[in-house]
N, C-alpha and C. Protein backbone atom coordinates (compact mmCIF):
# COMPACT_ATOMS: atom_id res chain seq x y z
N MET A 1 -12.69 51.42 -28.25
CA MET A 1 -12.62 50.02 -28.65
C MET A 1 -14.05 49.48 -28.73
N THR A 2 -14.33 48.76 -29.77
CA THR A 2 -15.67 48.20 -29.95
C THR A 2 -15.71 46.77 -29.48
N ARG A 3 -16.91 46.28 -29.30
CA ARG A 3 -17.09 44.91 -28.80
C ARG A 3 -16.67 43.89 -29.86
N THR A 4 -16.70 44.25 -31.10
CA THR A 4 -16.32 43.30 -32.14
C THR A 4 -14.83 42.97 -32.08
N ALA A 5 -14.03 43.82 -31.48
CA ALA A 5 -12.59 43.56 -31.36
C ALA A 5 -12.30 42.47 -30.34
N GLU A 6 -13.25 42.22 -29.43
CA GLU A 6 -13.06 41.21 -28.40
C GLU A 6 -13.70 39.87 -28.75
N ARG A 7 -14.29 39.76 -29.89
CA ARG A 7 -14.95 38.52 -30.28
C ARG A 7 -13.93 37.39 -30.37
N GLY A 8 -14.28 36.25 -29.76
CA GLY A 8 -13.41 35.07 -29.81
C GLY A 8 -12.40 35.00 -28.69
N SER A 9 -12.31 36.02 -27.84
CA SER A 9 -11.32 36.00 -26.76
C SER A 9 -11.64 34.92 -25.73
N VAL A 10 -12.92 34.65 -25.49
CA VAL A 10 -13.29 33.60 -24.53
C VAL A 10 -12.86 32.24 -25.07
N SER A 11 -13.01 32.01 -26.34
CA SER A 11 -12.59 30.74 -26.94
C SER A 11 -11.09 30.52 -26.78
N ILE A 12 -10.33 31.59 -26.94
CA ILE A 12 -8.88 31.48 -26.79
C ILE A 12 -8.53 31.20 -25.33
N GLU A 13 -9.21 31.86 -24.40
CA GLU A 13 -8.94 31.62 -22.98
C GLU A 13 -9.25 30.18 -22.60
N VAL A 14 -10.36 29.65 -23.09
CA VAL A 14 -10.73 28.26 -22.79
C VAL A 14 -9.71 27.32 -23.41
N ALA A 15 -9.28 27.59 -24.61
CA ALA A 15 -8.30 26.72 -25.27
C ALA A 15 -6.97 26.71 -24.52
N VAL A 16 -6.61 27.82 -23.91
CA VAL A 16 -5.36 27.89 -23.17
C VAL A 16 -5.50 27.26 -21.79
N LEU A 17 -6.61 27.49 -21.11
CA LEU A 17 -6.79 27.02 -19.74
C LEU A 17 -7.30 25.58 -19.62
N ALA A 18 -7.96 25.06 -20.62
CA ALA A 18 -8.53 23.71 -20.54
C ALA A 18 -7.46 22.64 -20.28
N PRO A 19 -6.34 22.61 -20.98
CA PRO A 19 -5.33 21.59 -20.68
C PRO A 19 -4.80 21.67 -19.25
N ALA A 20 -4.62 22.89 -18.75
CA ALA A 20 -4.15 23.03 -17.38
C ALA A 20 -5.19 22.52 -16.39
N PHE A 21 -6.45 22.80 -16.64
CA PHE A 21 -7.52 22.32 -15.77
C PHE A 21 -7.61 20.80 -15.80
N ILE A 22 -7.50 20.22 -16.98
CA ILE A 22 -7.54 18.75 -17.11
C ILE A 22 -6.34 18.13 -16.40
N ALA A 23 -5.17 18.74 -16.56
CA ALA A 23 -3.97 18.22 -15.88
C ALA A 23 -4.14 18.29 -14.37
N LEU A 24 -4.76 19.34 -13.86
CA LEU A 24 -5.01 19.46 -12.44
C LEU A 24 -5.98 18.38 -11.95
N MET A 25 -6.98 18.07 -12.73
CA MET A 25 -7.93 17.02 -12.37
C MET A 25 -7.25 15.65 -12.36
N VAL A 26 -6.39 15.39 -13.33
CA VAL A 26 -5.66 14.12 -13.37
C VAL A 26 -4.73 14.01 -12.17
N LEU A 27 -4.05 15.09 -11.84
CA LEU A 27 -3.17 15.10 -10.68
C LEU A 27 -3.95 14.82 -9.40
N ALA A 28 -5.12 15.39 -9.28
CA ALA A 28 -5.96 15.13 -8.10
C ALA A 28 -6.37 13.66 -8.05
N GLY A 29 -6.65 13.07 -9.19
CA GLY A 29 -6.99 11.64 -9.25
C GLY A 29 -5.83 10.76 -8.83
N VAL A 30 -4.63 11.08 -9.27
CA VAL A 30 -3.43 10.30 -8.93
C VAL A 30 -3.14 10.41 -7.43
N VAL A 31 -3.21 11.61 -6.90
CA VAL A 31 -2.95 11.81 -5.47
C VAL A 31 -4.02 11.10 -4.63
N GLY A 32 -5.26 11.21 -5.04
CA GLY A 32 -6.34 10.53 -4.31
C GLY A 32 -6.21 9.03 -4.34
N ARG A 33 -5.92 8.48 -5.49
CA ARG A 33 -5.76 7.03 -5.59
C ARG A 33 -4.55 6.55 -4.77
N SER A 34 -3.49 7.33 -4.77
CA SER A 34 -2.31 6.97 -3.97
C SER A 34 -2.62 6.99 -2.48
N ALA A 35 -3.37 7.98 -2.03
CA ALA A 35 -3.72 8.08 -0.62
C ALA A 35 -4.62 6.93 -0.19
N VAL A 36 -5.60 6.61 -1.00
CA VAL A 36 -6.49 5.48 -0.69
C VAL A 36 -5.72 4.17 -0.67
N ALA A 37 -4.81 4.00 -1.62
CA ALA A 37 -4.00 2.77 -1.67
C ALA A 37 -3.08 2.67 -0.46
N ALA A 38 -2.48 3.78 -0.05
CA ALA A 38 -1.59 3.76 1.12
C ALA A 38 -2.37 3.40 2.38
N GLU A 39 -3.57 3.94 2.51
CA GLU A 39 -4.40 3.62 3.67
C GLU A 39 -4.80 2.14 3.67
N ALA A 40 -5.18 1.63 2.51
CA ALA A 40 -5.56 0.22 2.40
C ALA A 40 -4.37 -0.69 2.70
N LEU A 41 -3.19 -0.32 2.23
CA LEU A 41 -2.00 -1.14 2.50
C LEU A 41 -1.61 -1.11 3.97
N ASP A 42 -1.75 0.04 4.60
CA ASP A 42 -1.48 0.10 6.04
C ASP A 42 -2.40 -0.84 6.81
N ALA A 43 -3.68 -0.82 6.46
CA ALA A 43 -4.65 -1.71 7.12
C ALA A 43 -4.34 -3.17 6.82
N ALA A 44 -3.95 -3.46 5.58
CA ALA A 44 -3.62 -4.84 5.21
C ALA A 44 -2.37 -5.33 5.94
N ALA A 45 -1.36 -4.49 6.05
CA ALA A 45 -0.14 -4.88 6.78
C ALA A 45 -0.45 -5.10 8.25
N HIS A 46 -1.29 -4.25 8.82
CA HIS A 46 -1.68 -4.41 10.23
C HIS A 46 -2.40 -5.73 10.44
N ASP A 47 -3.41 -6.00 9.61
CA ASP A 47 -4.16 -7.26 9.73
C ASP A 47 -3.27 -8.48 9.49
N ALA A 48 -2.37 -8.37 8.53
CA ALA A 48 -1.47 -9.50 8.22
C ALA A 48 -0.53 -9.78 9.39
N ALA A 49 0.04 -8.73 9.97
CA ALA A 49 0.95 -8.92 11.11
C ALA A 49 0.20 -9.48 12.31
N ARG A 50 -1.01 -9.00 12.52
CA ARG A 50 -1.80 -9.50 13.65
C ARG A 50 -2.17 -10.97 13.44
N ALA A 51 -2.58 -11.32 12.23
CA ALA A 51 -2.92 -12.72 11.93
C ALA A 51 -1.69 -13.61 12.10
N ALA A 52 -0.53 -13.12 11.69
CA ALA A 52 0.70 -13.90 11.85
C ALA A 52 1.05 -14.06 13.32
N SER A 53 0.86 -13.02 14.10
CA SER A 53 1.30 -13.06 15.49
C SER A 53 0.45 -13.97 16.37
N ILE A 54 -0.77 -14.27 15.95
CA ILE A 54 -1.60 -15.16 16.76
C ILE A 54 -1.51 -16.62 16.30
N SER A 55 -0.69 -16.87 15.30
CA SER A 55 -0.47 -18.24 14.83
C SER A 55 0.56 -18.91 15.72
N ARG A 56 0.59 -20.24 15.67
CA ARG A 56 1.52 -20.98 16.53
C ARG A 56 2.82 -21.37 15.83
N ASP A 57 2.84 -21.34 14.50
CA ASP A 57 4.08 -21.67 13.79
C ASP A 57 4.21 -20.77 12.56
N SER A 58 5.40 -20.72 12.01
CA SER A 58 5.69 -19.77 10.93
C SER A 58 4.95 -20.09 9.63
N ASP A 59 4.79 -21.37 9.30
CA ASP A 59 4.08 -21.72 8.06
C ASP A 59 2.62 -21.29 8.12
N THR A 60 1.97 -21.59 9.23
CA THR A 60 0.58 -21.18 9.41
C THR A 60 0.49 -19.66 9.45
N ALA A 61 1.46 -19.02 10.06
CA ALA A 61 1.47 -17.56 10.16
C ALA A 61 1.54 -16.91 8.79
N GLU A 62 2.37 -17.43 7.91
CA GLU A 62 2.50 -16.86 6.57
C GLU A 62 1.20 -17.00 5.78
N LYS A 63 0.57 -18.15 5.88
CA LYS A 63 -0.70 -18.36 5.18
C LYS A 63 -1.79 -17.45 5.74
N ALA A 64 -1.87 -17.37 7.07
CA ALA A 64 -2.89 -16.53 7.70
C ALA A 64 -2.67 -15.06 7.36
N ALA A 65 -1.41 -14.63 7.34
CA ALA A 65 -1.10 -13.24 7.03
C ALA A 65 -1.47 -12.89 5.59
N LEU A 66 -1.15 -13.77 4.67
CA LEU A 66 -1.48 -13.53 3.26
C LEU A 66 -2.99 -13.45 3.08
N GLU A 67 -3.72 -14.35 3.70
CA GLU A 67 -5.17 -14.35 3.60
C GLU A 67 -5.76 -13.08 4.20
N ALA A 68 -5.26 -12.66 5.36
CA ALA A 68 -5.76 -11.44 6.00
C ALA A 68 -5.47 -10.21 5.14
N ALA A 69 -4.29 -10.15 4.54
CA ALA A 69 -3.95 -9.01 3.68
C ALA A 69 -4.85 -8.98 2.45
N ARG A 70 -5.07 -10.13 1.84
CA ARG A 70 -5.95 -10.18 0.65
C ARG A 70 -7.37 -9.73 0.99
N LYS A 71 -7.88 -10.20 2.11
CA LYS A 71 -9.24 -9.81 2.51
C LYS A 71 -9.34 -8.30 2.73
N GLN A 72 -8.34 -7.74 3.36
CA GLN A 72 -8.37 -6.30 3.63
C GLN A 72 -8.29 -5.49 2.33
N LEU A 73 -7.43 -5.91 1.42
CA LEU A 73 -7.31 -5.20 0.15
C LEU A 73 -8.58 -5.36 -0.68
N ASP A 74 -9.19 -6.54 -0.66
CA ASP A 74 -10.46 -6.75 -1.36
C ASP A 74 -11.54 -5.87 -0.76
N TRP A 75 -11.57 -5.77 0.56
CA TRP A 75 -12.58 -4.96 1.22
C TRP A 75 -12.45 -3.49 0.83
N HIS A 76 -11.20 -3.03 0.68
CA HIS A 76 -10.96 -1.65 0.26
C HIS A 76 -11.11 -1.47 -1.25
N GLY A 77 -11.22 -2.56 -1.98
CA GLY A 77 -11.36 -2.47 -3.43
C GLY A 77 -10.06 -2.13 -4.14
N LEU A 78 -8.94 -2.46 -3.53
CA LEU A 78 -7.65 -2.16 -4.14
C LEU A 78 -7.13 -3.37 -4.89
N ALA A 79 -6.93 -3.21 -6.17
CA ALA A 79 -6.36 -4.27 -7.01
C ALA A 79 -4.93 -3.89 -7.36
N CYS A 80 -3.99 -4.63 -6.83
CA CYS A 80 -2.58 -4.36 -7.12
C CYS A 80 -2.23 -4.90 -8.50
N ALA A 81 -1.35 -4.19 -9.19
CA ALA A 81 -0.91 -4.63 -10.51
C ALA A 81 0.13 -5.74 -10.40
N ASN A 82 0.64 -5.98 -9.21
CA ASN A 82 1.63 -7.05 -8.99
C ASN A 82 1.01 -8.13 -8.11
N ASP A 83 1.71 -9.26 -8.02
CA ASP A 83 1.26 -10.32 -7.12
C ASP A 83 1.54 -9.89 -5.68
N LEU A 84 0.61 -10.20 -4.81
CA LEU A 84 0.79 -9.87 -3.40
C LEU A 84 1.75 -10.88 -2.81
N ASP A 85 2.95 -10.43 -2.50
CA ASP A 85 4.00 -11.31 -1.98
C ASP A 85 4.63 -10.65 -0.76
N PRO A 86 3.99 -10.79 0.41
CA PRO A 86 4.50 -10.13 1.62
C PRO A 86 5.88 -10.64 2.02
N THR A 87 6.63 -9.80 2.68
CA THR A 87 7.92 -10.15 3.25
C THR A 87 7.72 -10.32 4.75
N PHE A 88 8.23 -11.41 5.28
CA PHE A 88 8.07 -11.72 6.70
C PHE A 88 9.42 -11.68 7.39
N THR A 89 9.51 -10.93 8.47
CA THR A 89 10.72 -10.89 9.28
C THR A 89 10.31 -11.03 10.74
N GLY A 90 11.28 -11.34 11.56
CA GLY A 90 11.00 -11.51 12.98
C GLY A 90 12.13 -10.97 13.83
N SER A 91 11.83 -10.85 15.10
CA SER A 91 12.83 -10.38 16.04
C SER A 91 12.62 -11.12 17.36
N VAL A 92 13.71 -11.55 17.96
CA VAL A 92 13.66 -12.24 19.25
C VAL A 92 14.47 -11.42 20.23
N ALA A 93 13.84 -11.02 21.31
CA ALA A 93 14.48 -10.24 22.37
C ALA A 93 15.19 -8.99 21.83
N GLY A 94 14.57 -8.35 20.83
CA GLY A 94 15.11 -7.11 20.28
C GLY A 94 16.26 -7.28 19.31
N SER A 95 16.63 -8.50 18.96
CA SER A 95 17.75 -8.75 18.06
C SER A 95 17.34 -8.49 16.61
N ASP A 96 18.17 -7.77 15.87
CA ASP A 96 17.89 -7.51 14.46
C ASP A 96 18.28 -8.68 13.57
N SER A 97 19.06 -9.61 14.08
CA SER A 97 19.56 -10.71 13.25
C SER A 97 18.64 -11.93 13.28
N SER A 98 17.50 -11.84 13.95
CA SER A 98 16.57 -12.96 14.02
C SER A 98 15.74 -13.05 12.76
N SER A 99 15.21 -14.24 12.49
CA SER A 99 14.36 -14.44 11.32
C SER A 99 12.92 -14.68 11.77
N PHE A 100 12.04 -14.77 10.82
CA PHE A 100 10.63 -15.04 11.08
C PHE A 100 10.48 -16.39 11.79
N ASP A 101 11.20 -17.40 11.31
CA ASP A 101 11.15 -18.72 11.93
C ASP A 101 11.72 -18.69 13.35
N ASP A 102 12.77 -17.87 13.57
CA ASP A 102 13.35 -17.75 14.92
C ASP A 102 12.34 -17.21 15.92
N ALA A 103 11.51 -16.29 15.47
CA ALA A 103 10.51 -15.70 16.37
C ALA A 103 9.54 -16.78 16.86
N PHE A 104 9.15 -17.68 15.96
CA PHE A 104 8.20 -18.72 16.34
C PHE A 104 8.86 -19.89 17.07
N SER A 105 10.15 -20.03 16.93
CA SER A 105 10.83 -21.12 17.65
C SER A 105 11.45 -20.63 18.96
N SER A 106 11.23 -19.37 19.30
CA SER A 106 11.77 -18.86 20.56
C SER A 106 11.00 -19.48 21.73
N SER A 107 11.65 -19.54 22.86
CA SER A 107 11.04 -20.18 24.03
C SER A 107 9.96 -19.29 24.65
N VAL A 108 9.04 -19.95 25.33
CA VAL A 108 7.97 -19.24 26.02
C VAL A 108 8.58 -18.30 27.05
N GLY A 109 8.06 -17.09 27.14
CA GLY A 109 8.58 -16.09 28.06
C GLY A 109 9.56 -15.14 27.41
N THR A 110 9.95 -15.42 26.17
CA THR A 110 10.88 -14.56 25.44
C THR A 110 10.09 -13.56 24.60
N ASP A 111 10.50 -12.31 24.63
CA ASP A 111 9.87 -11.30 23.78
C ASP A 111 10.23 -11.58 22.32
N ALA A 112 9.20 -11.63 21.48
CA ALA A 112 9.43 -11.84 20.04
C ALA A 112 8.38 -11.07 19.27
N THR A 113 8.76 -10.59 18.11
CA THR A 113 7.82 -9.88 17.24
C THR A 113 7.92 -10.40 15.83
N VAL A 114 6.86 -10.20 15.07
CA VAL A 114 6.85 -10.51 13.64
C VAL A 114 6.50 -9.24 12.89
N THR A 115 7.13 -9.06 11.75
CA THR A 115 6.89 -7.89 10.91
C THR A 115 6.49 -8.36 9.52
N VAL A 116 5.43 -7.75 9.01
CA VAL A 116 4.96 -8.06 7.66
C VAL A 116 5.08 -6.79 6.82
N THR A 117 5.73 -6.91 5.68
CA THR A 117 5.88 -5.80 4.74
C THR A 117 5.16 -6.16 3.46
N ILE A 118 4.29 -5.27 3.00
CA ILE A 118 3.51 -5.52 1.80
C ILE A 118 3.77 -4.40 0.80
N SER A 119 3.99 -4.78 -0.46
CA SER A 119 4.17 -3.80 -1.53
C SER A 119 3.08 -4.01 -2.57
N CYS A 120 2.58 -2.91 -3.08
CA CYS A 120 1.52 -2.96 -4.08
C CYS A 120 1.83 -1.94 -5.17
N VAL A 121 1.75 -2.37 -6.40
CA VAL A 121 1.92 -1.46 -7.53
C VAL A 121 0.53 -0.97 -7.93
N VAL A 122 0.33 0.34 -7.77
CA VAL A 122 -0.95 0.96 -8.09
C VAL A 122 -0.86 1.55 -9.49
N SER A 123 -1.82 1.20 -10.32
CA SER A 123 -1.82 1.64 -11.71
C SER A 123 -2.65 2.91 -11.87
N PHE A 124 -2.13 3.82 -12.69
CA PHE A 124 -2.85 5.05 -13.03
C PHE A 124 -3.15 5.10 -14.53
N GLN A 125 -3.06 3.97 -15.20
CA GLN A 125 -3.18 3.96 -16.66
C GLN A 125 -4.54 4.44 -17.14
N ASP A 126 -5.57 4.26 -16.33
CA ASP A 126 -6.89 4.69 -16.76
C ASP A 126 -7.11 6.19 -16.60
N ILE A 127 -6.20 6.88 -15.90
CA ILE A 127 -6.38 8.32 -15.73
C ILE A 127 -5.19 9.14 -16.24
N THR A 128 -4.17 8.52 -16.79
CA THR A 128 -3.03 9.28 -17.29
C THR A 128 -3.37 9.91 -18.64
N LEU A 129 -2.68 10.98 -18.92
CA LEU A 129 -2.88 11.70 -20.19
C LEU A 129 -1.54 11.92 -20.88
N ASP A 130 -1.56 11.95 -22.18
CA ASP A 130 -0.34 12.19 -22.94
C ASP A 130 0.12 13.64 -22.83
N ILE A 131 -0.77 14.55 -22.40
CA ILE A 131 -0.39 15.96 -22.32
C ILE A 131 0.48 16.25 -21.10
N LEU A 132 0.62 15.24 -20.20
CA LEU A 132 1.47 15.41 -19.03
C LEU A 132 2.76 14.63 -19.22
N PRO A 133 3.78 15.26 -19.78
CA PRO A 133 5.03 14.53 -20.04
C PRO A 133 5.70 14.10 -18.74
N GLY A 134 6.21 12.88 -18.76
CA GLY A 134 6.92 12.37 -17.60
C GLY A 134 6.04 11.80 -16.51
N MET A 135 4.74 11.79 -16.71
CA MET A 135 3.85 11.25 -15.68
C MET A 135 3.93 9.74 -15.69
N LYS A 136 4.16 9.16 -14.53
CA LYS A 136 4.27 7.72 -14.41
C LYS A 136 2.88 7.09 -14.45
N SER A 137 2.81 5.90 -15.02
CA SER A 137 1.52 5.22 -15.12
C SER A 137 1.28 4.25 -13.97
N LYS A 138 2.26 4.12 -13.07
CA LYS A 138 2.09 3.26 -11.90
C LYS A 138 3.05 3.72 -10.81
N ARG A 139 2.74 3.29 -9.58
CA ARG A 139 3.56 3.66 -8.43
C ARG A 139 3.54 2.53 -7.43
N GLU A 140 4.71 2.21 -6.88
CA GLU A 140 4.79 1.16 -5.86
C GLU A 140 4.64 1.80 -4.48
N ILE A 141 3.70 1.26 -3.71
CA ILE A 141 3.45 1.73 -2.35
C ILE A 141 3.74 0.57 -1.41
N THR A 142 4.43 0.85 -0.32
CA THR A 142 4.82 -0.19 0.63
C THR A 142 4.33 0.17 2.03
N ALA A 143 3.88 -0.84 2.75
CA ALA A 143 3.46 -0.65 4.15
C ALA A 143 4.05 -1.78 4.98
N GLU A 144 4.32 -1.47 6.24
CA GLU A 144 4.94 -2.44 7.15
C GLU A 144 4.29 -2.30 8.52
N PHE A 145 4.11 -3.44 9.17
CA PHE A 145 3.57 -3.41 10.53
C PHE A 145 4.23 -4.52 11.34
N THR A 146 4.51 -4.23 12.60
CA THR A 146 5.12 -5.19 13.52
C THR A 146 4.13 -5.50 14.63
N SER A 147 4.00 -6.78 14.93
CA SER A 147 3.09 -7.22 15.98
C SER A 147 3.83 -8.17 16.92
N PRO A 148 3.63 -8.01 18.22
CA PRO A 148 4.32 -8.90 19.16
C PRO A 148 3.66 -10.26 19.26
N LEU A 149 4.46 -11.28 19.50
CA LEU A 149 3.94 -12.60 19.80
C LEU A 149 3.61 -12.63 21.29
N ASP A 150 2.58 -13.36 21.65
CA ASP A 150 2.24 -13.52 23.06
C ASP A 150 3.39 -14.27 23.72
N ARG A 151 4.05 -13.64 24.66
CA ARG A 151 5.26 -14.26 25.24
C ARG A 151 4.94 -15.48 26.11
N TYR A 152 3.69 -15.64 26.51
CA TYR A 152 3.34 -16.77 27.38
C TYR A 152 2.51 -17.84 26.67
N ARG A 153 2.41 -17.73 25.37
CA ARG A 153 1.68 -18.72 24.59
C ARG A 153 2.66 -19.69 23.97
N GLY A 154 2.33 -20.95 23.99
CA GLY A 154 3.22 -21.96 23.43
C GLY A 154 3.40 -21.79 21.93
N ARG A 155 4.60 -22.03 21.46
CA ARG A 155 4.92 -21.95 20.03
C ARG A 155 5.53 -23.26 19.59
N GLN A 156 5.56 -23.49 18.31
CA GLN A 156 6.14 -24.74 17.80
C GLN A 156 7.34 -24.49 16.95
């Protein structure tokens, strides 16, 4: 066999392997962005729940939690494709039927907790490719954190 029979084989190999390599790079970008977003949301939910738990009433708690979550997401550089609209729930003395307002209206000495749930739609539109059929251009990531209220601090 002569060397002239192998001419162009490298070009064919590159043409076959290039799309797979590009798809692998895009997949790595999607996984990386999802991991960073999940970490940022966990931190934002933690800060939001903590800010809510040190407030004295539910209205102030919701505002403080939203502000804390926004600051944390800004610090991480995460821009959600949806509006940041946290969900607030509460628990009094371990009861699942309590509300966020019930937690703040519970009497001093009663165990109460507040939970903040944050959802963020992360966009992959800048890194998606048409060669990957069925690849989603966005993903919703959710984080939740529960923080106890100080049982001996006055509430309103």
